[in-house]
Amino acid sequence: MPNIKSAIKRVELTRIRTERNKAVKSRVKTAIKKFRASLEQGDSTAAEKLRQAIRTIDKAVTKGVLHPNTAARKKSRLQRLFNKTSA
């Protein structure tokens, strides 16, 4: 454990940011899982779930949790999956 006041603050900030990043990543994973589940069941709400998943991924990029290229890759894969099953 650090003794210097600024180092103590940095440790605390790192902990807070780590928790926030975990929450955002978890939200992204959940949105993707919901989309995949609706696709497997053949729900008519798959398009809406895709929109929500893409929106969640974009928010993660805005917060700096995901790299823009990673987000683009994830969105592309989801869109391809949707197009393949709906065609």
PDB file of N, CA and C in Angstrom:
ATOM      1  N   MET A   1       0.845  -1.178   0.000  1.00  0.00           N
ATOM      2  CA  MET A   1       0.000   0.000   0.000  1.00  0.00           C
ATOM      3  C   MET A   1       0.890   1.240   0.000  1.00  0.00           C
ATOM      4  N   PRO A   2       0.565   2.226  -0.830  1.00  0.00           N
ATOM      5  CA  PRO A   2       1.415   3.413  -0.913  1.00  0.00           C
ATOM      6  C   PRO A   2       1.293   4.300   0.328  1.00  0.00           C
ATOM      7  N   ASN A   3       2.362   5.026   0.596  1.00  0.00           N
ATOM      8  CA  ASN A   3       2.381   5.935   1.741  1.00  0.00           C
ATOM      9  C   ASN A   3       2.166   7.383   1.321  1.00  0.00           C
ATOM     10  N   ILE A   4       2.491   7.696   0.092  1.00  0.00           N
ATOM     11  CA  ILE A   4       2.394   9.072  -0.384  1.00  0.00           C
ATOM     12  C   ILE A   4       0.948   9.375  -0.748  1.00  0.00           C
ATOM     13  N   LYS A   5       0.514  10.580  -0.374  1.00  0.00           N
ATOM     14  CA  LYS A   5      -0.879  10.950  -0.546  1.00  0.00           C
ATOM     15  C   LYS A   5      -1.337  10.867  -2.011  1.00  0.00           C
ATOM     16  N   SER A   6      -0.517  11.344  -2.926  1.00  0.00           N
ATOM     17  CA  SER A   6      -0.907  11.319  -4.335  1.00  0.00           C
ATOM     18  C   SER A   6      -0.986   9.878  -4.851  1.00  0.00           C
ATOM     19  N   ALA A   7      -0.109   9.014  -4.369  1.00  0.00           N
ATOM     20  CA  ALA A   7      -0.130   7.612  -4.781  1.00  0.00           C
ATOM     21  C   ALA A   7      -1.382   6.915  -4.251  1.00  0.00           C
ATOM     22  N   ILE A   8      -1.791   7.275  -3.039  1.00  0.00           N
ATOM     23  CA  ILE A   8      -3.017   6.721  -2.460  1.00  0.00           C
ATOM     24  C   ILE A   8      -4.210   7.125  -3.327  1.00  0.00           C
ATOM     25  N   LYS A   9      -4.233   8.392  -3.753  1.00  0.00           N
ATOM     26  CA  LYS A   9      -5.315   8.880  -4.608  1.00  0.00           C
ATOM     27  C   LYS A   9      -5.332   8.133  -5.944  1.00  0.00           C
ATOM     28  N   ARG A  10      -4.147   7.897  -6.502  1.00  0.00           N
ATOM     29  CA  ARG A  10      -4.065   7.208  -7.787  1.00  0.00           C
ATOM     30  C   ARG A  10      -4.607   5.772  -7.681  1.00  0.00           C
ATOM     31  N   VAL A  11      -4.277   5.106  -6.579  1.00  0.00           N
ATOM     32  CA  VAL A  11      -4.769   3.744  -6.366  1.00  0.00           C
ATOM     33  C   VAL A  11      -6.296   3.747  -6.299  1.00  0.00           C
ATOM     34  N   GLU A  12      -6.847   4.722  -5.594  1.00  0.00           N
ATOM     35  CA  GLU A  12      -8.296   4.820  -5.461  1.00  0.00           C
ATOM     36  C   GLU A  12      -8.950   5.108  -6.815  1.00  0.00           C
ATOM     37  N   LEU A  13      -8.366   6.026  -7.570  1.00  0.00           N
ATOM     38  CA  LEU A  13      -8.910   6.348  -8.887  1.00  0.00           C
ATOM     39  C   LEU A  13      -8.849   5.139  -9.825  1.00  0.00           C
ATOM     40  N   THR A  14      -7.760   4.410  -9.750  1.00  0.00           N
ATOM     41  CA  THR A  14      -7.621   3.217 -10.582  1.00  0.00           C
ATOM     42  C   THR A  14      -8.697   2.199 -10.234  1.00  0.00           C
ATOM     43  N   ARG A  15      -8.961   2.035  -8.950  1.00  0.00           N
ATOM     44  CA  ARG A  15     -10.000   1.103  -8.514  1.00  0.00           C
ATOM     45  C   ARG A  15     -11.372   1.529  -9.041  1.00  0.00           C
ATOM     46  N   ILE A  16     -11.663   2.823  -8.937  1.00  0.00           N
ATOM     47  CA  ILE A  16     -12.954   3.335  -9.397  1.00  0.00           C
ATOM     48  C   ILE A  16     -13.101   3.137 -10.902  1.00  0.00           C
ATOM     49  N   ARG A  17     -12.052   3.462 -11.653  1.00  0.00           N
ATOM     50  CA  ARG A  17     -12.109   3.318 -13.113  1.00  0.00           C
ATOM     51  C   ARG A  17     -12.238   1.862 -13.525  1.00  0.00           C
ATOM     52  N   THR A  18     -11.542   0.987 -12.801  1.00  0.00           N
ATOM     53  CA  THR A  18     -11.616  -0.436 -13.109  1.00  0.00           C
ATOM     54  C   THR A  18     -13.039  -0.949 -12.925  1.00  0.00           C
ATOM     55  N   GLU A  19     -13.684  -0.541 -11.854  1.00  0.00           N
ATOM     56  CA  GLU A  19     -15.070  -0.952 -11.610  1.00  0.00           C
ATOM     57  C   GLU A  19     -15.991  -0.442 -12.707  1.00  0.00           C
ATOM     58  N   ARG A  20     -15.797   0.817 -13.104  1.00  0.00           N
ATOM     59  CA  ARG A  20     -16.642   1.396 -14.148  1.00  0.00           C
ATOM     60  C   ARG A  20     -16.422   0.673 -15.471  1.00  0.00           C
ATOM     61  N   ASN A  21     -15.152   0.390 -15.789  1.00  0.00           N
ATOM     62  CA  ASN A  21     -14.846  -0.321 -17.036  1.00  0.00           C
ATOM     63  C   ASN A  21     -15.468  -1.717 -17.043  1.00  0.00           C
ATOM     64  N   LYS A  22     -15.406  -2.398 -15.892  1.00  0.00           N
ATOM     65  CA  LYS A  22     -16.005  -3.730 -15.789  1.00  0.00           C
ATOM     66  C   LYS A  22     -17.497  -3.668 -16.064  1.00  0.00           C
ATOM     67  N   ALA A  23     -18.145  -2.654 -15.497  1.00  0.00           N
ATOM     68  CA  ALA A  23     -19.593  -2.511 -15.667  1.00  0.00           C
ATOM     69  C   ALA A  23     -19.944  -2.268 -17.134  1.00  0.00           C
ATOM     70  N   VAL A  24     -19.165  -1.416 -17.796  1.00  0.00           N
ATOM     71  CA  VAL A  24     -19.438  -1.106 -19.198  1.00  0.00           C
ATOM     72  C   VAL A  24     -19.209  -2.340 -20.068  1.00  0.00           C
ATOM     73  N   LYS A  25     -18.105  -3.062 -19.826  1.00  0.00           N
ATOM     74  CA  LYS A  25     -17.821  -4.274 -20.599  1.00  0.00           C
ATOM     75  C   LYS A  25     -18.910  -5.312 -20.389  1.00  0.00           C
ATOM     76  N   SER A  26     -19.387  -5.419 -19.161  1.00  0.00           N
ATOM     77  CA  SER A  26     -20.441  -6.370 -18.852  1.00  0.00           C
ATOM     78  C   SER A  26     -21.721  -6.014 -19.601  1.00  0.00           C
ATOM     79  N   ARG A  27     -22.035  -4.708 -19.672  1.00  0.00           N
ATOM     80  CA  ARG A  27     -23.212  -4.254 -20.401  1.00  0.00           C
ATOM     81  C   ARG A  27     -23.118  -4.627 -21.880  1.00  0.00           C
ATOM     82  N   VAL A  28     -21.918  -4.459 -22.441  1.00  0.00           N
ATOM     83  CA  VAL A  28     -21.704  -4.800 -23.854  1.00  0.00           C
ATOM     84  C   VAL A  28     -21.920  -6.294 -24.064  1.00  0.00           C
ATOM     85  N   LYS A  29     -21.315  -7.104 -23.218  1.00  0.00           N
ATOM     86  CA  LYS A  29     -21.445  -8.554 -23.357  1.00  0.00           C
ATOM     87  C   LYS A  29     -22.898  -8.993 -23.230  1.00  0.00           C
ATOM     88  N   THR A  30     -23.626  -8.397 -22.288  1.00  0.00           N
ATOM     89  CA  THR A  30     -25.031  -8.746 -22.079  1.00  0.00           C
ATOM     90  C   THR A  30     -25.858  -8.393 -23.308  1.00  0.00           C
ATOM     91  N   ALA A  31     -25.615  -7.223 -23.880  1.00  0.00           N
ATOM     92  CA  ALA A  31     -26.373  -6.799 -25.064  1.00  0.00           C
ATOM     93  C   ALA A  31     -26.113  -7.754 -26.224  1.00  0.00           C
ATOM     94  N   ILE A  32     -24.855  -8.170 -26.385  1.00  0.00           N
ATOM     95  CA  ILE A  32     -24.515  -9.098 -27.465  1.00  0.00           C
ATOM     96  C   ILE A  32     -25.184 -10.449 -27.232  1.00  0.00           C
ATOM     97  N   LYS A  33     -25.163 -10.924 -25.983  1.00  0.00           N
ATOM     98  CA  LYS A  33     -25.798 -12.210 -25.662  1.00  0.00           C
ATOM     99  C   LYS A  33     -27.300 -12.159 -25.933  1.00  0.00           C
ATOM    100  N   LYS A  34     -27.947 -11.049 -25.575  1.00  0.00           N
ATOM    101  CA  LYS A  34     -29.380 -10.917 -25.812  1.00  0.00           C
ATOM    102  C   LYS A  34     -29.686 -10.944 -27.299  1.00  0.00           C
ATOM    103  N   PHE A  35     -28.833 -10.281 -28.095  1.00  0.00           N
ATOM    104  CA  PHE A  35     -29.034 -10.284 -29.540  1.00  0.00           C
ATOM    105  C   PHE A  35     -28.892 -11.686 -30.097  1.00  0.00           C
ATOM    106  N   ARG A  36     -27.824 -12.386 -29.707  1.00  0.00           N
ATOM    107  CA  ARG A  36     -27.594 -13.751 -30.212  1.00  0.00           C
ATOM    108  C   ARG A  36     -28.737 -14.683 -29.806  1.00  0.00           C
ATOM    109  N   ALA A  37     -29.222 -14.527 -28.583  1.00  0.00           N
ATOM    110  CA  ALA A  37     -30.318 -15.371 -28.106  1.00  0.00           C
ATOM    111  C   ALA A  37     -31.584 -15.123 -28.920  1.00  0.00           C
ATOM    112  N   SER A  38     -31.872 -13.868 -29.212  1.00  0.00           N
ATOM    113  CA  SER A  38     -33.075 -13.565 -30.001  1.00  0.00           C
ATOM    114  C   SER A  38     -32.941 -14.081 -31.425  1.00  0.00           C
ATOM    115  N   LEU A  39     -31.709 -14.090 -31.957  1.00  0.00           N
ATOM    116  CA  LEU A  39     -31.490 -14.645 -33.292  1.00  0.00           C
ATOM    117  C   LEU A  39     -31.736 -16.152 -33.297  1.00  0.00           C
ATOM    118  N   GLU A  40     -31.225 -16.838 -32.280  1.00  0.00           N
ATOM    119  CA  GLU A  40     -31.383 -18.292 -32.210  1.00  0.00           C
ATOM    120  C   GLU A  40     -32.847 -18.692 -32.082  1.00  0.00           C
ATOM    121  N   GLN A  41     -33.607 -17.897 -31.331  1.00  0.00           N
ATOM    122  CA  GLN A  41     -35.021 -18.205 -31.135  1.00  0.00           C
ATOM    123  C   GLN A  41     -35.868 -17.777 -32.324  1.00  0.00           C
ATOM    124  N   GLY A  42     -35.284 -16.976 -33.204  1.00  0.00           N
ATOM    125  CA  GLY A  42     -36.020 -16.505 -34.372  1.00  0.00           C
ATOM    126  C   GLY A  42     -37.024 -15.423 -34.028  1.00  0.00           C
ATOM    127  N   ASP A  43     -36.738 -14.652 -32.985  1.00  0.00           N
ATOM    128  CA  ASP A  43     -37.643 -13.567 -32.590  1.00  0.00           C
ATOM    129  C   ASP A  43     -37.681 -12.477 -33.650  1.00  0.00           C
ATOM    130  N   SER A  44     -38.800 -11.769 -33.672  1.00  0.00           N
ATOM    131  CA  SER A  44     -38.916 -10.631 -34.583  1.00  0.00           C
ATOM    132  C   SER A  44     -38.221  -9.405 -33.994  1.00  0.00           C
ATOM    133  N   THR A  45     -37.794  -9.509 -32.732  1.00  0.00           N
ATOM    134  CA  THR A  45     -37.136  -8.379 -32.075  1.00  0.00           C
ATOM    135  C   THR A  45     -35.626  -8.390 -32.281  1.00  0.00           C
ATOM    136  N   ALA A  46     -35.138  -9.265 -33.141  1.00  0.00           N
ATOM    137  CA  ALA A  46     -33.687  -9.371 -33.343  1.00  0.00           C
ATOM    138  C   ALA A  46     -33.102  -8.059 -33.868  1.00  0.00           C
ATOM    139  N   ALA A  47     -33.834  -7.382 -34.749  1.00  0.00           N
ATOM    140  CA  ALA A  47     -33.337  -6.114 -35.303  1.00  0.00           C
ATOM    141  C   ALA A  47     -33.200  -5.072 -34.202  1.00  0.00           C
ATOM    142  N   GLU A  48     -34.172  -5.042 -33.308  1.00  0.00           N
ATOM    143  CA  GLU A  48     -34.114  -4.079 -32.187  1.00  0.00           C
ATOM    144  C   GLU A  48     -32.970  -4.428 -31.249  1.00  0.00           C
ATOM    145  N   LYS A  49     -32.774  -5.702 -30.971  1.00  0.00           N
ATOM    146  CA  LYS A  49     -31.665  -6.139 -30.104  1.00  0.00           C
ATOM    147  C   LYS A  49     -30.321  -5.798 -30.740  1.00  0.00           C
ATOM    148  N   LEU A  50     -30.233  -5.930 -32.063  1.00  0.00           N
ATOM    149  CA  LEU A  50     -29.000  -5.558 -32.767  1.00  0.00           C
ATOM    150  C   LEU A  50     -28.742  -4.070 -32.600  1.00  0.00           C
ATOM    151  N   ARG A  51     -29.775  -3.257 -32.770  1.00  0.00           N
ATOM    152  CA  ARG A  51     -29.639  -1.810 -32.621  1.00  0.00           C
ATOM    153  C   ARG A  51     -29.150  -1.460 -31.218  1.00  0.00           C
ATOM    154  N   GLN A  52     -29.715  -2.120 -30.211  1.00  0.00           N
ATOM    155  CA  GLN A  52     -29.311  -1.856 -28.826  1.00  0.00           C
ATOM    156  C   GLN A  52     -27.874  -2.292 -28.573  1.00  0.00           C
ATOM    157  N   ALA A  53     -27.475  -3.423 -29.139  1.00  0.00           N
ATOM    158  CA  ALA A  53     -26.107  -3.910 -28.963  1.00  0.00           C
ATOM    159  C   ALA A  53     -25.113  -2.937 -29.588  1.00  0.00           C
ATOM    160  N   ILE A  54     -25.418  -2.467 -30.793  1.00  0.00           N
ATOM    161  CA  ILE A  54     -24.528  -1.518 -31.465  1.00  0.00           C
ATOM    162  C   ILE A  54     -24.457  -0.214 -30.676  1.00  0.00           C
ATOM    163  N   ARG A  55     -25.577   0.208 -30.158  1.00  0.00           N
ATOM    164  CA  ARG A  55     -25.615   1.439 -29.355  1.00  0.00           C
ATOM    165  C   ARG A  55     -24.755   1.283 -28.093  1.00  0.00           C
ATOM    166  N   THR A  56     -24.852   0.143 -27.449  1.00  0.00           N
ATOM    167  CA  THR A  56     -24.066  -0.123 -26.243  1.00  0.00           C
ATOM    168  C   THR A  56     -22.580  -0.150 -26.567  1.00  0.00           C
ATOM    169  N   ILE A  57     -22.217  -0.763 -27.690  1.00  0.00           N
ATOM    170  CA  ILE A  57     -20.814  -0.810 -28.102  1.00  0.00           C
ATOM    171  C   ILE A  57     -20.301   0.605 -28.364  1.00  0.00           C
ATOM    172  N   ASP A  58     -21.107   1.417 -29.035  1.00  0.00           N
ATOM    173  CA  ASP A  58     -20.695   2.797 -29.321  1.00  0.00           C
ATOM    174  C   ASP A  58     -20.503   3.602 -28.041  1.00  0.00           C
ATOM    175  N   LYS A  59     -21.351   3.367 -27.062  1.00  0.00           N
ATOM    176  CA  LYS A  59     -21.204   4.066 -25.781  1.00  0.00           C
ATOM    177  C   LYS A  59     -19.906   3.656 -25.078  1.00  0.00           C
ATOM    178  N   ALA A  60     -19.548   2.379 -25.200  1.00  0.00           N
ATOM    179  CA  ALA A  60     -18.305   1.904 -24.591  1.00  0.00           C
ATOM    180  C   ALA A  60     -17.102   2.582 -25.240  1.00  0.00           C
ATOM    181  N   VAL A  61     -17.178   2.825 -26.540  1.00  0.00           N
ATOM    182  CA  VAL A  61     -16.095   3.529 -27.230  1.00  0.00           C
ATOM    183  C   VAL A  61     -16.017   4.967 -26.731  1.00  0.00           C
ATOM    184  N   THR A  62     -17.173   5.608 -26.582  1.00  0.00           N
ATOM    185  CA  THR A  62     -17.221   6.992 -26.115  1.00  0.00           C
ATOM    186  C   THR A  62     -16.589   7.125 -24.733  1.00  0.00           C
ATOM    187  N   LYS A  63     -16.812   6.134 -23.885  1.00  0.00           N
ATOM    188  CA  LYS A  63     -16.252   6.169 -22.534  1.00  0.00           C
ATOM    189  C   LYS A  63     -14.789   5.753 -22.497  1.00  0.00           C
ATOM    190  N   GLY A  64     -14.275   5.269 -23.629  1.00  0.00           N
ATOM    191  CA  GLY A  64     -12.872   4.888 -23.689  1.00  0.00           C
ATOM    192  C   GLY A  64     -12.598   3.478 -23.202  1.00  0.00           C
ATOM    193  N   VAL A  65     -13.632   2.681 -23.056  1.00  0.00           N
ATOM    194  CA  VAL A  65     -13.454   1.315 -22.571  1.00  0.00           C
ATOM    195  C   VAL A  65     -13.027   0.391 -23.709  1.00  0.00           C
ATOM    196  N   LEU A  66     -13.614   0.586 -24.884  1.00  0.00           N
ATOM    197  CA  LEU A  66     -13.260  -0.212 -26.050  1.00  0.00           C
ATOM    198  C   LEU A  66     -12.519   0.651 -27.063  1.00  0.00           C
ATOM    199  N   HIS A  67     -11.577   0.039 -27.749  1.00  0.00           N
ATOM    200  CA  HIS A  67     -10.876   0.717 -28.844  1.00  0.00           C
ATOM    201  C   HIS A  67     -11.843   0.819 -30.026  1.00  0.00           C
ATOM    202  N   PRO A  68     -11.793   1.907 -30.769  1.00  0.00           N
ATOM    203  CA  PRO A  68     -12.720   2.062 -31.905  1.00  0.00           C
ATOM    204  C   PRO A  68     -12.661   0.919 -32.920  1.00  0.00           C
ATOM    205  N   ASN A  69     -11.472   0.396 -33.188  1.00  0.00           N
ATOM    206  CA  ASN A  69     -11.358  -0.713 -34.143  1.00  0.00           C
ATOM    207  C   ASN A  69     -11.997  -1.987 -33.592  1.00  0.00           C
ATOM    208  N   THR A  70     -11.851  -2.216 -32.289  1.00  0.00           N
ATOM    209  CA  THR A  70     -12.482  -3.375 -31.656  1.00  0.00           C
ATOM    210  C   THR A  70     -13.998  -3.267 -31.777  1.00  0.00           C
ATOM    211  N   ALA A  71     -14.509  -2.068 -31.536  1.00  0.00           N
ATOM    212  CA  ALA A  71     -15.951  -1.853 -31.626  1.00  0.00           C
ATOM    213  C   ALA A  71     -16.436  -2.071 -33.054  1.00  0.00           C
ATOM    214  N   ALA A  72     -15.675  -1.574 -34.016  1.00  0.00           N
ATOM    215  CA  ALA A  72     -16.059  -1.734 -35.416  1.00  0.00           C
ATOM    216  C   ALA A  72     -16.092  -3.212 -35.786  1.00  0.00           C
ATOM    217  N   ARG A  73     -15.122  -3.968 -35.299  1.00  0.00           N
ATOM    218  CA  ARG A  73     -15.070  -5.406 -35.586  1.00  0.00           C
ATOM    219  C   ARG A  73     -16.284  -6.117 -34.985  1.00  0.00           C
ATOM    220  N   LYS A  74     -16.591  -5.791 -33.728  1.00  0.00           N
ATOM    221  CA  LYS A  74     -17.732  -6.421 -33.063  1.00  0.00           C
ATOM    222  C   LYS A  74     -19.041  -6.096 -33.791  1.00  0.00           C
ATOM    223  N   LYS A  75     -19.223  -4.830 -34.144  1.00  0.00           N
ATOM    224  CA  LYS A  75     -20.443  -4.415 -34.825  1.00  0.00           C
ATOM    225  C   LYS A  75     -20.559  -5.094 -36.188  1.00  0.00           C
ATOM    226  N   SER A  76     -19.449  -5.195 -36.892  1.00  0.00           N
ATOM    227  CA  SER A  76     -19.448  -5.824 -38.201  1.00  0.00           C
ATOM    228  C   SER A  76     -19.840  -7.290 -38.099  1.00  0.00           C
ATOM    229  N   ARG A  77     -19.303  -7.972 -37.132  1.00  0.00           N
ATOM    230  CA  ARG A  77     -19.616  -9.395 -36.956  1.00  0.00           C
ATOM    231  C   ARG A  77     -21.083  -9.597 -36.610  1.00  0.00           C
ATOM    232  N   LEU A  78     -21.610  -8.729 -35.741  1.00  0.00           N
ATOM    233  CA  LEU A  78     -23.020  -8.844 -35.371  1.00  0.00           C
ATOM    234  C   LEU A  78     -23.911  -8.576 -36.588  1.00  0.00           C
ATOM    235  N   GLN A  79     -23.562  -7.562 -37.353  1.00  0.00           N
ATOM    236  CA  GLN A  79     -24.358  -7.212 -38.528  1.00  0.00           C
ATOM    237  C   GLN A  79     -24.329  -8.329 -39.563  1.00  0.00           C
ATOM    238  N   ARG A  80     -23.137  -8.929 -39.779  1.00  0.00           N
ATOM    239  CA  ARG A  80     -23.022 -10.041 -40.726  1.00  0.00           C
ATOM    240  C   ARG A  80     -23.871 -11.224 -40.284  1.00  0.00           C
ATOM    241  N   LEU A  81     -23.857 -11.515 -38.983  1.00  0.00           N
ATOM    242  CA  LEU A  81     -24.650 -12.613 -38.434  1.00  0.00           C
ATOM    243  C   LEU A  81     -26.139 -12.358 -38.658  1.00  0.00           C
ATOM    244  N   PHE A  82     -26.546 -11.124 -38.414  1.00  0.00           N
ATOM    245  CA  PHE A  82     -27.947 -10.752 -38.607  1.00  0.00           C
ATOM    246  C   PHE A  82     -28.343 -10.878 -40.073  1.00  0.00           C
ATOM    247  N   ASN A  83     -27.492 -10.382 -40.959  1.00  0.00           N
ATOM    248  CA  ASN A  83     -27.806 -10.439 -42.390  1.00  0.00           C
ATOM    249  C   ASN A  83     -27.876 -11.877 -42.894  1.00  0.00           C
ATOM    250  N   LYS A  84     -26.980 -12.724 -42.359  1.00  0.00           N
ATOM    251  CA  LYS A  84     -26.948 -14.125 -42.788  1.00  0.00           C
ATOM    252  C   LYS A  84     -28.220 -14.856 -42.370  1.00  0.00           C
ATOM    253  N   THR A  85     -28.694 -14.598 -41.169  1.00  0.00           N
ATOM    254  CA  THR A  85     -29.873 -15.316 -40.666  1.00  0.00           C
ATOM    255  C   THR A  85     -31.172 -14.742 -41.235  1.00  0.00           C
ATOM    256  N   SER A  86     -31.187 -13.456 -41.522  1.00  0.00           N
ATOM    257  CA  SER A  86     -32.435 -12.855 -42.028  1.00  0.00           C
ATOM    258  C   SER A  86     -32.604 -13.057 -43.530  1.00  0.00           C
ATOM    259  N   ALA A  87     -31.521 -13.396 -44.217  1.00  0.00           N
ATOM    260  CA  ALA A  87     -31.607 -13.556 -45.684  1.00  0.00           C
ATOM    261  C   ALA A  87     -32.183 -14.904 -46.075  1.00  0.00           C
TER     262      ALA A  87
END
